[in-house]
Amino acid sequence: MREALDQWAFVWAGYAIGIAGTAAMIAWSWLSMRRAERRRDKARGTVRER
């Protein structure tokens, strides 16, 4: 009798980690961009519409 590990669990886990990490980086970058734009507008003394 031979027991083999099912590698697909690890493949799906890798995909899940990769997709979650990519989504987190996109969200972090977007929020950082918004904060930087707000600081820029505050320094210029202008107000941008959303």
Protein backbone atom coordinates (compact mmCIF):
# COMPACT_ATOMS: atom_id res chain seq x y z
CA MET A 1 0.00 0.00 0.00
CA ARG A 2 1.30 3.44 -0.93
CA GLU A 3 0.18 6.77 0.48
CA ALA A 4 0.75 9.79 -1.70
CA LEU A 5 0.23 13.41 -0.83
CA ASP A 6 -2.29 15.30 -2.90
CA GLN A 7 -0.24 18.13 -4.38
CA TRP A 8 -3.31 20.02 -5.60
CA ALA A 9 -4.04 21.30 -2.10
CA PHE A 10 -0.64 23.01 -2.12
CA VAL A 11 -1.17 24.35 -5.64
CA TRP A 12 -4.52 25.90 -4.70
CA ALA A 13 -3.03 27.29 -1.49
CA GLY A 14 -0.24 28.88 -3.51
CA TYR A 15 -2.73 30.45 -5.91
CA ALA A 16 -4.82 31.73 -3.00
CA ILE A 17 -1.79 33.29 -1.32
CA GLY A 18 -0.66 34.85 -4.59
CA ILE A 19 -4.07 36.31 -5.42
CA ALA A 20 -4.62 37.57 -1.87
CA GLY A 21 -1.17 39.14 -1.80
CA THR A 22 -1.73 40.84 -5.15
CA ALA A 23 -5.11 42.19 -4.03
CA ALA A 24 -3.58 43.48 -0.79
CA MET A 25 -0.77 45.26 -2.67
CA ILE A 26 -3.27 46.85 -5.07
CA ALA A 27 -5.40 48.11 -2.18
CA TRP A 28 -2.37 49.39 -0.28
CA SER A 29 -1.01 51.20 -3.35
CA TRP A 30 -4.39 52.74 -4.15
CA LEU A 31 -4.82 54.01 -0.58
CA SER A 32 -1.27 55.40 -0.55
CA MET A 33 -1.94 57.18 -3.85
CA ARG A 34 -5.12 58.73 -2.48
CA ARG A 35 -3.30 59.95 0.65
CA ALA A 36 -0.49 61.43 -1.46
CA GLU A 37 -2.98 63.22 -3.71
CA ARG A 38 -4.75 64.62 -0.66
CA ARG A 39 -1.45 65.89 0.79
CA ARG A 40 -0.52 67.44 -2.57
CA ASP A 41 -3.86 69.21 -2.85
CA LYS A 42 -3.57 70.46 0.72
CA ALA A 43 -0.08 71.84 0.02
CA ARG A 44 -1.30 73.57 -3.16
CA GLY A 45 -4.36 74.93 -1.41
CA THR A 46 -6.73 73.38 -3.95
CA VAL A 47 -9.71 71.16 -3.43
CA ARG A 48 -10.40 68.36 -5.89
CA GLU A 49 -13.83 66.94 -6.46
CA ARG A 50 -14.25 63.21 -6.03
